[in-house]
Amino acid sequence: MSARKAAAAAEPDCGDLGIAEQVAIYQREFPTVDPQVETIVSSLSRVARRMSVAYDRQLTVLGITSAEWEVLKALVVAGSPYRLGPGELAKRLGLTPAAMTHRIDRMVAEELVTRERDEANRVRVIIELTETGRDKWLESMRMAAVFEEELLQDVGADERTVLSGLLGRMLTRIETGAP
């Protein structure tokens, strides 16, 4: 097991520790670790994990999975009339065509999307967001907005601007493969 995988596997067990305690252990075991960097990274990791759990709980209330939500989001992002081919959906979500087909099958059964032949090109299939699917997506966004506002309630407007910029720069660095 790689050191990164081992650390990731061990992370949930550290949940009872405060960040400062966790970083102190890291320093004990790896004295050259930068405590400021570890504090930032560990905090980001915990925030992301807890946000993911909260979002999953909200989606469970709505009766959809995070995988289904990703499809709904992709269709909404595509814009009105909220339609894409299954191949384009798979590409946008980083899925194989087979995985996308399985996901779409479930979502058609749940009436979140429809699957129809393209009238202009009978070989092509179109996946379209249903009113039910759009309603579930909108409600998930409403719920997320409440959660996110609560999450950031102690961060002022100026701090939010700074935090947004800092996280944006980190994300750009990661997405360009720099680290």
C-alpha atoms as a PDB file:
ATOM      1  CA  MET A   1       0.000   0.000   0.000  1.00  0.00           C
ATOM      2  CA  SER A   2       1.374   3.422  -0.918  1.00  0.00           C
ATOM      3  CA  ALA A   3       2.026   6.012   1.766  1.00  0.00           C
ATOM      4  CA  ARG A   4      -0.767   8.182   0.332  1.00  0.00           C
ATOM      5  CA  LYS A   5      -3.288   5.316   0.414  1.00  0.00           C
ATOM      6  CA  ALA A   6      -2.183   4.380   3.917  1.00  0.00           C
ATOM      7  CA  ALA A   7      -2.662   7.965   5.073  1.00  0.00           C
ATOM      8  CA  ALA A   8      -6.078   8.163   3.422  1.00  0.00           C
ATOM      9  CA  ALA A   9      -7.113   4.860   4.985  1.00  0.00           C
ATOM     10  CA  ALA A  10      -5.943   6.055   8.390  1.00  0.00           C
ATOM     11  CA  GLU A  11      -7.625   9.475   8.120  1.00  0.00           C
ATOM     12  CA  PRO A  12     -11.125   8.390   9.269  1.00  0.00           C
ATOM     13  CA  ASP A  13      -9.575   6.912  12.429  1.00  0.00           C
ATOM     14  CA  CYS A  14      -8.103  10.351  13.176  1.00  0.00           C
ATOM     15  CA  GLY A  15     -11.581  11.860  13.281  1.00  0.00           C
ATOM     16  CA  ASP A  16     -11.595  11.826  17.090  1.00  0.00           C
ATOM     17  CA  LEU A  17      -8.400  13.855  17.151  1.00  0.00           C
ATOM     18  CA  GLY A  18      -8.381  17.605  16.798  1.00  0.00           C
ATOM     19  CA  ILE A  19      -6.389  18.960  13.882  1.00  0.00           C
ATOM     20  CA  ALA A  20      -3.662  20.258  16.210  1.00  0.00           C
ATOM     21  CA  GLU A  21      -3.346  16.835  17.874  1.00  0.00           C
ATOM     22  CA  GLN A  22      -3.200  15.095  14.527  1.00  0.00           C
ATOM     23  CA  VAL A  23      -0.524  17.465  13.239  1.00  0.00           C
ATOM     24  CA  ALA A  24       1.482  16.999  16.452  1.00  0.00           C
ATOM     25  CA  ILE A  25       1.471  13.234  15.835  1.00  0.00           C
ATOM     26  CA  TYR A  26       2.573  13.793  12.267  1.00  0.00           C
ATOM     27  CA  GLN A  27       5.431  15.968  13.519  1.00  0.00           C
ATOM     28  CA  ARG A  28       6.422  13.335  16.059  1.00  0.00           C
ATOM     29  CA  GLU A  29       6.585  10.657  13.368  1.00  0.00           C
ATOM     30  CA  PHE A  30       7.842  12.853  10.531  1.00  0.00           C
ATOM     31  CA  PRO A  31       9.757  15.767  12.114  1.00  0.00           C
ATOM     32  CA  THR A  32      10.338  17.696   8.879  1.00  0.00           C
ATOM     33  CA  VAL A  33       6.623  18.002   8.090  1.00  0.00           C
ATOM     34  CA  ASP A  34       5.432  21.599   7.804  1.00  0.00           C
ATOM     35  CA  PRO A  35       2.769  21.950  10.529  1.00  0.00           C
ATOM     36  CA  GLN A  36       1.111  24.904   8.805  1.00  0.00           C
ATOM     37  CA  VAL A  37       0.729  22.975   5.544  1.00  0.00           C
ATOM     38  CA  GLU A  38      -0.539  19.885   7.376  1.00  0.00           C
ATOM     39  CA  THR A  39      -3.046  21.969   9.332  1.00  0.00           C
ATOM     40  CA  ILE A  40      -4.415  23.500   6.132  1.00  0.00           C
ATOM     41  CA  VAL A  41      -4.539  20.226   4.213  1.00  0.00           C
ATOM     42  CA  SER A  42      -6.046  18.259   7.100  1.00  0.00           C
ATOM     43  CA  SER A  43      -8.667  20.959   7.647  1.00  0.00           C
ATOM     44  CA  LEU A  44      -9.574  21.013   3.951  1.00  0.00           C
ATOM     45  CA  SER A  45      -9.833  17.235   3.955  1.00  0.00           C
ATOM     46  CA  ARG A  46     -12.171  17.192   6.943  1.00  0.00           C
ATOM     47  CA  VAL A  47     -14.328  20.000   5.566  1.00  0.00           C
ATOM     48  CA  ALA A  48     -14.638  18.212   2.207  1.00  0.00           C
ATOM     49  CA  ARG A  49     -15.490  14.896   3.836  1.00  0.00           C
ATOM     50  CA  ARG A  50     -18.118  16.429   6.116  1.00  0.00           C
ATOM     51  CA  MET A  51     -19.618  18.418   3.250  1.00  0.00           C
ATOM     52  CA  SER A  52     -19.872  15.229   1.204  1.00  0.00           C
ATOM     53  CA  VAL A  53     -21.660  13.441   4.058  1.00  0.00           C
ATOM     54  CA  ALA A  54     -24.082  16.355   4.476  1.00  0.00           C
ATOM     55  CA  TYR A  55     -24.863  16.490   0.754  1.00  0.00           C
ATOM     56  CA  ASP A  56     -25.386  12.719   0.630  1.00  0.00           C
ATOM     57  CA  ARG A  57     -27.856  12.975   3.533  1.00  0.00           C
ATOM     58  CA  GLN A  58     -29.767  15.711   1.716  1.00  0.00           C
ATOM     59  CA  LEU A  59     -29.928  13.637  -1.467  1.00  0.00           C
ATOM     60  CA  THR A  60     -31.149  10.626   0.521  1.00  0.00           C
ATOM     61  CA  VAL A  61     -34.041  12.761   1.793  1.00  0.00           C
ATOM     62  CA  LEU A  62     -34.868  13.522  -1.854  1.00  0.00           C
ATOM     63  CA  GLY A  63     -34.621   9.857  -2.841  1.00  0.00           C
ATOM     64  CA  ILE A  64     -31.693  10.256  -5.238  1.00  0.00           C
ATOM     65  CA  THR A  65     -28.045   9.266  -5.149  1.00  0.00           C
ATOM     66  CA  SER A  66     -25.057  11.513  -5.669  1.00  0.00           C
ATOM     67  CA  ALA A  67     -24.411   9.631  -8.931  1.00  0.00           C
ATOM     68  CA  GLU A  68     -27.912  10.492 -10.130  1.00  0.00           C
ATOM     69  CA  TRP A  69     -27.469  14.085  -8.990  1.00  0.00           C
ATOM     70  CA  GLU A  70     -24.340  14.333 -11.152  1.00  0.00           C
ATOM     71  CA  VAL A  71     -26.386  13.339 -14.213  1.00  0.00           C
ATOM     72  CA  LEU A  72     -29.115  15.843 -13.328  1.00  0.00           C
ATOM     73  CA  LYS A  73     -26.465  18.543 -12.898  1.00  0.00           C
ATOM     74  CA  ALA A  74     -24.859  17.722 -16.249  1.00  0.00           C
ATOM     75  CA  LEU A  75     -28.218  18.079 -17.961  1.00  0.00           C
ATOM     76  CA  VAL A  76     -28.974  21.373 -16.189  1.00  0.00           C
ATOM     77  CA  VAL A  77     -25.507  22.718 -17.037  1.00  0.00           C
ATOM     78  CA  ALA A  78     -26.126  21.787 -20.693  1.00  0.00           C
ATOM     79  CA  GLY A  79     -28.963  24.323 -20.618  1.00  0.00           C
ATOM     80  CA  SER A  80     -32.480  24.287 -21.945  1.00  0.00           C
ATOM     81  CA  PRO A  81     -33.891  21.990 -23.255  1.00  0.00           C
ATOM     82  CA  TYR A  82     -31.700  19.965 -20.822  1.00  0.00           C
ATOM     83  CA  ARG A  83     -30.802  17.231 -23.286  1.00  0.00           C
ATOM     84  CA  LEU A  84     -27.597  15.323 -24.063  1.00  0.00           C
ATOM     85  CA  GLY A  85     -26.645  12.088 -25.717  1.00  0.00           C
ATOM     86  CA  PRO A  86     -25.544   9.252 -23.430  1.00  0.00           C
ATOM     87  CA  GLY A  87     -22.023   9.376 -24.880  1.00  0.00           C
ATOM     88  CA  GLU A  88     -21.690  13.076 -24.076  1.00  0.00           C
ATOM     89  CA  LEU A  89     -23.053  12.471 -20.569  1.00  0.00           C
ATOM     90  CA  ALA A  90     -20.548   9.643 -20.034  1.00  0.00           C
ATOM     91  CA  LYS A  91     -17.711  11.860 -21.220  1.00  0.00           C
ATOM     92  CA  ARG A  92     -18.729  14.766 -18.982  1.00  0.00           C
ATOM     93  CA  LEU A  93     -18.986  12.467 -15.955  1.00  0.00           C
ATOM     94  CA  GLY A  94     -15.876  10.416 -16.711  1.00  0.00           C
ATOM     95  CA  LEU A  95     -17.831   7.161 -17.030  1.00  0.00           C
ATOM     96  CA  THR A  96     -17.704   4.262 -19.418  1.00  0.00           C
ATOM     97  CA  PRO A  97     -20.655   3.958 -21.808  1.00  0.00           C
ATOM     98  CA  ALA A  98     -21.761   0.787 -19.989  1.00  0.00           C
ATOM     99  CA  ALA A  99     -21.759   2.537 -16.606  1.00  0.00           C
ATOM    100  CA  MET A 100     -23.673   5.460 -18.095  1.00  0.00           C
ATOM    101  CA  THR A 101     -26.270   3.103 -19.602  1.00  0.00           C
ATOM    102  CA  HIS A 102     -26.784   1.430 -16.220  1.00  0.00           C
ATOM    103  CA  ARG A 103     -27.185   4.813 -14.506  1.00  0.00           C
ATOM    104  CA  ILE A 104     -29.611   6.068 -17.157  1.00  0.00           C
ATOM    105  CA  ASP A 105     -31.669   2.855 -16.904  1.00  0.00           C
ATOM    106  CA  ARG A 106     -32.203   3.498 -13.176  1.00  0.00           C
ATOM    107  CA  MET A 107     -33.004   7.150 -13.725  1.00  0.00           C
ATOM    108  CA  VAL A 108     -35.536   6.421 -16.477  1.00  0.00           C
ATOM    109  CA  ALA A 109     -37.243   3.947 -14.118  1.00  0.00           C
ATOM    110  CA  GLU A 110     -37.330   6.668 -11.439  1.00  0.00           C
ATOM    111  CA  GLU A 111     -38.722   9.168 -13.995  1.00  0.00           C
ATOM    112  CA  LEU A 112     -35.809  11.568 -13.464  1.00  0.00           C
ATOM    113  CA  VAL A 113     -34.898  11.500 -17.171  1.00  0.00           C
ATOM    114  CA  THR A 114     -36.335  10.208 -20.411  1.00  0.00           C
ATOM    115  CA  ARG A 115     -34.526   8.305 -23.142  1.00  0.00           C
ATOM    116  CA  GLU A 116     -35.818   8.895 -26.656  1.00  0.00           C
ATOM    117  CA  ARG A 117     -34.569   8.446 -30.206  1.00  0.00           C
ATOM    118  CA  ASP A 118     -33.528  11.677 -31.882  1.00  0.00           C
ATOM    119  CA  GLU A 119     -36.184  12.457 -34.503  1.00  0.00           C
ATOM    120  CA  ALA A 120     -33.558  14.029 -36.769  1.00  0.00           C
ATOM    121  CA  ASN A 121     -31.180  11.057 -36.476  1.00  0.00           C
ATOM    122  CA  ARG A 122     -32.916   7.808 -35.472  1.00  0.00           C
ATOM    123  CA  VAL A 123     -29.568   6.204 -34.549  1.00  0.00           C
ATOM    124  CA  ARG A 124     -28.930   8.835 -31.903  1.00  0.00           C
ATOM    125  CA  VAL A 125     -30.448   8.599 -28.413  1.00  0.00           C
ATOM    126  CA  ILE A 126     -31.272  11.679 -26.366  1.00  0.00           C
ATOM    127  CA  ILE A 127     -31.415  11.804 -22.573  1.00  0.00           C
ATOM    128  CA  GLU A 128     -33.664  14.596 -21.338  1.00  0.00           C
ATOM    129  CA  LEU A 129     -34.333  15.939 -17.867  1.00  0.00           C
ATOM    130  CA  THR A 130     -37.914  15.423 -16.702  1.00  0.00           C
ATOM    131  CA  GLU A 131     -39.894  17.857 -14.588  1.00  0.00           C
ATOM    132  CA  THR A 132     -39.444  15.462 -11.646  1.00  0.00           C
ATOM    133  CA  GLY A 133     -35.689  15.377 -12.231  1.00  0.00           C
ATOM    134  CA  ARG A 134     -35.478  19.153 -12.448  1.00  0.00           C
ATOM    135  CA  ASP A 135     -37.593  19.564  -9.300  1.00  0.00           C
ATOM    136  CA  LYS A 136     -35.293  17.202  -7.383  1.00  0.00           C
ATOM    137  CA  TRP A 137     -32.215  19.039  -8.644  1.00  0.00           C
ATOM    138  CA  LEU A 138     -33.694  22.424  -7.655  1.00  0.00           C
ATOM    139  CA  GLU A 139     -34.674  21.169  -4.200  1.00  0.00           C
ATOM    140  CA  SER A 140     -31.182  19.741  -3.682  1.00  0.00           C
ATOM    141  CA  MET A 141     -29.767  23.149  -4.581  1.00  0.00           C
ATOM    142  CA  ARG A 142     -32.098  24.880  -2.114  1.00  0.00           C
ATOM    143  CA  MET A 143     -31.058  22.479   0.642  1.00  0.00           C
ATOM    144  CA  ALA A 144     -27.376  22.869  -0.227  1.00  0.00           C
ATOM    145  CA  ALA A 145     -27.655  26.662  -0.188  1.00  0.00           C
ATOM    146  CA  VAL A 146     -29.008  26.596   3.375  1.00  0.00           C
ATOM    147  CA  PHE A 147     -26.250  24.214   4.488  1.00  0.00           C
ATOM    148  CA  GLU A 148     -23.537  26.225   2.737  1.00  0.00           C
ATOM    149  CA  GLU A 149     -24.694  29.507   4.247  1.00  0.00           C
ATOM    150  CA  GLU A 150     -24.612  27.894   7.708  1.00  0.00           C
ATOM    151  CA  LEU A 151     -21.161  26.480   6.948  1.00  0.00           C
ATOM    152  CA  LEU A 152     -19.824  29.925   6.074  1.00  0.00           C
ATOM    153  CA  GLN A 153     -21.738  31.926   8.684  1.00  0.00           C
ATOM    154  CA  ASP A 154     -18.557  32.819  10.584  1.00  0.00           C
ATOM    155  CA  VAL A 155     -16.725  33.928   7.429  1.00  0.00           C
ATOM    156  CA  GLY A 156     -17.313  37.564   6.492  1.00  0.00           C
ATOM    157  CA  ALA A 157     -17.801  38.850   2.956  1.00  0.00           C
ATOM    158  CA  ASP A 158     -14.198  40.049   2.613  1.00  0.00           C
ATOM    159  CA  GLU A 159     -12.881  36.771   4.014  1.00  0.00           C
ATOM    160  CA  ARG A 160     -15.093  34.829   1.597  1.00  0.00           C
ATOM    161  CA  THR A 161     -13.550  36.744  -1.289  1.00  0.00           C
ATOM    162  CA  VAL A 162     -10.046  35.944  -0.066  1.00  0.00           C
ATOM    163  CA  LEU A 163     -10.914  32.301   0.667  1.00  0.00           C
ATOM    164  CA  SER A 164     -12.519  31.905  -2.753  1.00  0.00           C
ATOM    165  CA  GLY A 165      -9.421  33.276  -4.446  1.00  0.00           C
ATOM    166  CA  LEU A 166      -7.051  31.093  -2.442  1.00  0.00           C
ATOM    167  CA  LEU A 167      -9.029  27.910  -3.023  1.00  0.00           C
ATOM    168  CA  GLY A 168      -9.395  28.803  -6.702  1.00  0.00           C
ATOM    169  CA  ARG A 169      -5.627  29.091  -7.049  1.00  0.00           C
ATOM    170  CA  MET A 170      -5.114  25.762  -5.273  1.00  0.00           C
ATOM    171  CA  LEU A 171      -7.673  24.087  -7.497  1.00  0.00           C
ATOM    172  CA  THR A 172      -6.087  25.504 -10.639  1.00  0.00           C
ATOM    173  CA  ARG A 173      -2.716  24.162  -9.514  1.00  0.00           C
ATOM    174  CA  ILE A 174      -4.165  20.712  -8.887  1.00  0.00           C
ATOM    175  CA  GLU A 175      -6.176  20.628 -12.115  1.00  0.00           C
ATOM    176  CA  THR A 176      -3.186  21.615 -14.219  1.00  0.00           C
ATOM    177  CA  GLY A 177      -1.227  18.753 -12.684  1.00  0.00           C
ATOM    178  CA  ALA A 178       1.318  20.975 -10.978  1.00  0.00           C
ATOM    179  CA  PRO A 179       1.669  19.238  -7.581  1.00  0.00           C
END
